[in-house]
Structure formats: structure tokens, C-alpha cells
N, C-alpha and C. Protein backbone atom coordinates (compact mmCIF):
# COMPACT_ATOMS: atom_id res chain seq x y z
N MET A 1 31.31 35.65 73.63
CA MET A 1 30.42 36.75 73.90
C MET A 1 29.80 37.21 72.58
N SER A 2 28.55 37.60 72.60
CA SER A 2 27.89 38.03 71.37
C SER A 2 28.26 39.47 71.05
N ILE A 3 27.92 39.89 69.87
CA ILE A 3 28.22 41.25 69.41
C ILE A 3 27.45 42.27 70.25
N VAL A 4 26.22 41.96 70.61
CA VAL A 4 25.40 42.87 71.42
C VAL A 4 26.02 43.06 72.81
N ALA A 5 26.46 41.96 73.42
CA ALA A 5 27.07 42.04 74.74
C ALA A 5 28.37 42.82 74.69
N THR A 6 29.16 42.61 73.64
CA THR A 6 30.42 43.33 73.49
C THR A 6 30.16 44.83 73.31
N GLY A 7 29.17 45.16 72.47
CA GLY A 7 28.81 46.57 72.26
C GLY A 7 28.31 47.22 73.53
N LEU A 8 27.52 46.47 74.28
CA LEU A 8 27.02 47.00 75.56
C LEU A 8 28.16 47.22 76.54
N ALA A 9 29.10 46.30 76.61
CA ALA A 9 30.25 46.44 77.50
C ALA A 9 31.10 47.66 77.12
N ILE A 10 31.28 47.87 75.83
CA ILE A 10 32.05 49.03 75.37
C ILE A 10 31.30 50.33 75.70
N ALA A 11 29.98 50.35 75.51
CA ALA A 11 29.20 51.54 75.82
C ALA A 11 29.25 51.87 77.31
N VAL A 12 29.17 50.84 78.16
CA VAL A 12 29.24 51.06 79.61
C VAL A 12 30.63 51.57 80.00
N ALA A 13 31.68 51.02 79.38
CA ALA A 13 33.04 51.45 79.68
C ALA A 13 33.25 52.90 79.25
N LEU A 14 32.73 53.28 78.09
CA LEU A 14 32.86 54.67 77.62
C LEU A 14 32.07 55.63 78.51
N ALA A 15 30.89 55.23 78.92
CA ALA A 15 30.10 56.07 79.82
C ALA A 15 30.81 56.25 81.16
N GLY A 16 31.38 55.18 81.69
CA GLY A 16 32.12 55.26 82.95
C GLY A 16 33.33 56.16 82.83
N ALA A 17 34.04 56.07 81.70
CA ALA A 17 35.21 56.93 81.48
C ALA A 17 34.78 58.39 81.38
N GLY A 18 33.65 58.65 80.72
CA GLY A 18 33.14 60.02 80.61
C GLY A 18 32.77 60.59 81.97
N VAL A 19 32.11 59.81 82.79
CA VAL A 19 31.75 60.25 84.14
C VAL A 19 33.00 60.51 84.96
N ALA A 20 34.00 59.65 84.83
CA ALA A 20 35.25 59.83 85.57
C ALA A 20 35.95 61.12 85.16
N LEU A 21 35.95 61.44 83.87
CA LEU A 21 36.58 62.68 83.40
C LEU A 21 35.84 63.91 83.90
N ILE A 22 34.51 63.87 83.88
CA ILE A 22 33.73 65.00 84.39
C ILE A 22 33.97 65.18 85.89
N GLU A 23 34.00 64.09 86.63
CA GLU A 23 34.26 64.15 88.07
C GLU A 23 35.65 64.71 88.35
N ARG A 24 36.64 64.30 87.58
CA ARG A 24 38.01 64.80 87.76
C ARG A 24 38.08 66.30 87.52
N GLN A 25 37.41 66.75 86.46
CA GLN A 25 37.38 68.18 86.16
C GLN A 25 36.70 68.95 87.29
N TYR A 26 35.61 68.42 87.80
CA TYR A 26 34.88 69.08 88.89
C TYR A 26 35.73 69.17 90.15
N ARG A 27 36.44 68.11 90.49
CA ARG A 27 37.25 68.09 91.72
C ARG A 27 38.47 68.99 91.64
N ARG A 28 38.93 69.32 90.44
CA ARG A 28 40.11 70.18 90.30
C ARG A 28 39.77 71.66 90.42
N ARG A 29 38.50 72.02 90.35
CA ARG A 29 38.09 73.42 90.47
C ARG A 29 38.17 73.87 91.92
N PRO A 30 38.41 75.17 92.13
CA PRO A 30 38.42 75.65 93.52
C PRO A 30 37.02 75.58 94.10
N GLY A 31 36.93 75.16 95.33
CA GLY A 31 35.62 75.03 95.98
C GLY A 31 35.17 76.32 96.62
N ASN A 32 34.06 76.28 97.26
CA ASN A 32 33.54 77.41 97.99
C ASN A 32 34.08 77.36 99.41
N ASP A 33 35.13 78.14 99.66
CA ASP A 33 35.72 78.18 100.99
C ASP A 33 35.06 79.31 101.77
N LEU A 34 33.86 79.04 102.24
CA LEU A 34 33.08 80.03 102.97
C LEU A 34 33.24 79.76 104.45
N HIS A 35 33.67 80.78 105.20
CA HIS A 35 33.94 80.63 106.63
C HIS A 35 32.89 81.42 107.42
N LEU A 36 32.30 80.78 108.40
CA LEU A 36 31.30 81.40 109.26
C LEU A 36 31.93 81.69 110.61
N THR A 37 31.94 82.97 111.00
CA THR A 37 32.51 83.33 112.30
C THR A 37 31.42 83.26 113.37
N ALA A 38 31.84 83.16 114.59
CA ALA A 38 30.89 83.06 115.71
C ALA A 38 30.18 84.39 115.96
N GLY A 39 30.86 85.50 115.73
CA GLY A 39 30.25 86.81 115.94
C GLY A 39 30.03 87.10 117.42
N GLU A 40 29.28 88.13 117.68
CA GLU A 40 28.95 88.51 119.06
C GLU A 40 27.46 88.31 119.27
N TRP A 41 27.11 87.66 120.36
CA TRP A 41 25.71 87.33 120.64
C TRP A 41 25.35 87.74 122.07
N GLN A 42 24.11 88.18 122.24
CA GLN A 42 23.58 88.50 123.55
C GLN A 42 22.32 87.66 123.77
N LEU A 43 22.12 87.26 125.00
CA LEU A 43 20.93 86.51 125.37
C LEU A 43 19.87 87.47 125.86
N ASP A 44 18.74 87.50 125.16
CA ASP A 44 17.61 88.35 125.55
C ASP A 44 16.61 87.49 126.30
N SER A 45 16.48 87.75 127.58
CA SER A 45 15.56 86.97 128.41
C SER A 45 14.51 87.88 129.04
N SER A 46 13.86 88.66 128.20
CA SER A 46 12.85 89.58 128.73
C SER A 46 11.61 88.84 129.23
N ASP A 47 11.35 87.67 128.70
CA ASP A 47 10.25 86.83 129.16
C ASP A 47 10.84 85.62 129.87
N ARG A 48 10.32 85.24 131.01
CA ARG A 48 10.95 84.16 131.77
C ARG A 48 10.74 82.78 131.15
N HIS A 49 9.84 82.65 130.18
CA HIS A 49 9.59 81.37 129.52
C HIS A 49 10.22 81.29 128.12
N HIS A 50 10.73 82.38 127.63
CA HIS A 50 11.29 82.39 126.29
C HIS A 50 12.66 83.07 126.32
N TYR A 51 13.57 82.52 125.56
CA TYR A 51 14.90 83.11 125.40
C TYR A 51 15.12 83.41 123.94
N ARG A 52 15.87 84.48 123.67
CA ARG A 52 16.17 84.84 122.30
C ARG A 52 17.63 85.25 122.21
N LEU A 53 18.33 84.69 121.23
CA LEU A 53 19.70 85.10 120.95
C LEU A 53 19.68 86.21 119.91
N VAL A 54 20.39 87.29 120.20
CA VAL A 54 20.43 88.44 119.31
C VAL A 54 21.89 88.65 118.92
N GLY A 55 22.16 88.70 117.62
CA GLY A 55 23.52 88.91 117.17
C GLY A 55 23.60 88.90 115.66
N LYS A 56 24.82 88.90 115.17
CA LYS A 56 25.06 88.89 113.72
C LYS A 56 26.05 87.78 113.38
N LEU A 57 25.77 87.11 112.27
CA LEU A 57 26.72 86.15 111.71
C LEU A 57 27.58 86.88 110.70
N GLU A 58 28.82 86.47 110.59
CA GLU A 58 29.70 87.05 109.59
C GLU A 58 30.23 85.93 108.71
N LEU A 59 30.01 86.06 107.41
CA LEU A 59 30.49 85.09 106.44
C LEU A 59 31.70 85.68 105.72
N GLN A 60 32.79 84.93 105.64
CA GLN A 60 34.00 85.39 104.96
C GLN A 60 34.27 84.47 103.78
N ASN A 61 34.39 85.06 102.60
CA ASN A 61 34.70 84.31 101.39
C ASN A 61 36.21 84.20 101.27
N ARG A 62 36.74 83.00 101.40
CA ARG A 62 38.18 82.79 101.30
C ARG A 62 38.58 82.19 99.96
N THR A 63 37.65 82.15 99.01
CA THR A 63 37.95 81.62 97.69
C THR A 63 38.48 82.74 96.81
N PRO A 64 39.70 82.63 96.31
CA PRO A 64 40.24 83.71 95.49
C PRO A 64 39.53 83.78 94.13
N ARG A 65 39.30 84.99 93.68
CA ARG A 65 38.73 85.26 92.36
C ARG A 65 37.39 84.57 92.11
N GLN A 66 36.59 84.41 93.15
CA GLN A 66 35.28 83.81 92.96
C GLN A 66 34.29 84.41 93.95
N GLU A 67 33.13 84.77 93.44
CA GLU A 67 32.08 85.33 94.30
C GLU A 67 31.16 84.21 94.76
N ILE A 68 30.67 84.32 95.96
CA ILE A 68 29.70 83.37 96.50
C ILE A 68 28.48 84.18 96.88
N PHE A 69 27.32 83.79 96.37
CA PHE A 69 26.10 84.52 96.63
C PHE A 69 25.34 83.84 97.76
N ILE A 70 24.96 84.62 98.76
CA ILE A 70 24.22 84.14 99.92
C ILE A 70 22.84 84.79 99.89
N PRO A 71 21.77 84.01 99.81
CA PRO A 71 20.44 84.62 99.84
C PRO A 71 20.15 85.24 101.20
N ARG A 72 19.42 86.32 101.19
CA ARG A 72 19.10 87.04 102.41
C ARG A 72 17.59 87.02 102.63
N ASN A 73 17.18 86.69 103.80
CA ASN A 73 15.74 86.67 104.10
C ASN A 73 15.31 87.94 104.77
């Protein structure tokens, strides 16, 4: 094998090891354990051709010591 091929193989191996270490660190962190409840819903059928569900969703953050931000429209 030539010196260039050997250097390339070493560079690829080091890059792969770096990616593996970053992935391992990422997987060990606590995830976003966000739970969506069914809530209470009512069916609004004031128009016979259209139906509308009216209710509220409830999101529960089950991740300890971590805030999860939910955008609101």
C-alpha cells in the first residue's frame, strides 16, 4: 500500500472514531420525554357538511431537570 493510501485509511478511521464518540455522547444524554394526553374533545356539528373537533391538548414534560419549549400558534 502506498503512503497516500495508508494516510487516507488512517484519516478515515480517525473520522469514524470521532463520529462514533460524538454519537455515543449524544445517546447518553436524557431525551425529550414529552407526553401528549388525549384531553377532552367535543364534536361541533353546527353545519351538516362540516364537522369540527373542539378541545385542548395537554403536553406533559417527563424529562427531569430539562425544559422543553413548544411553539404556540
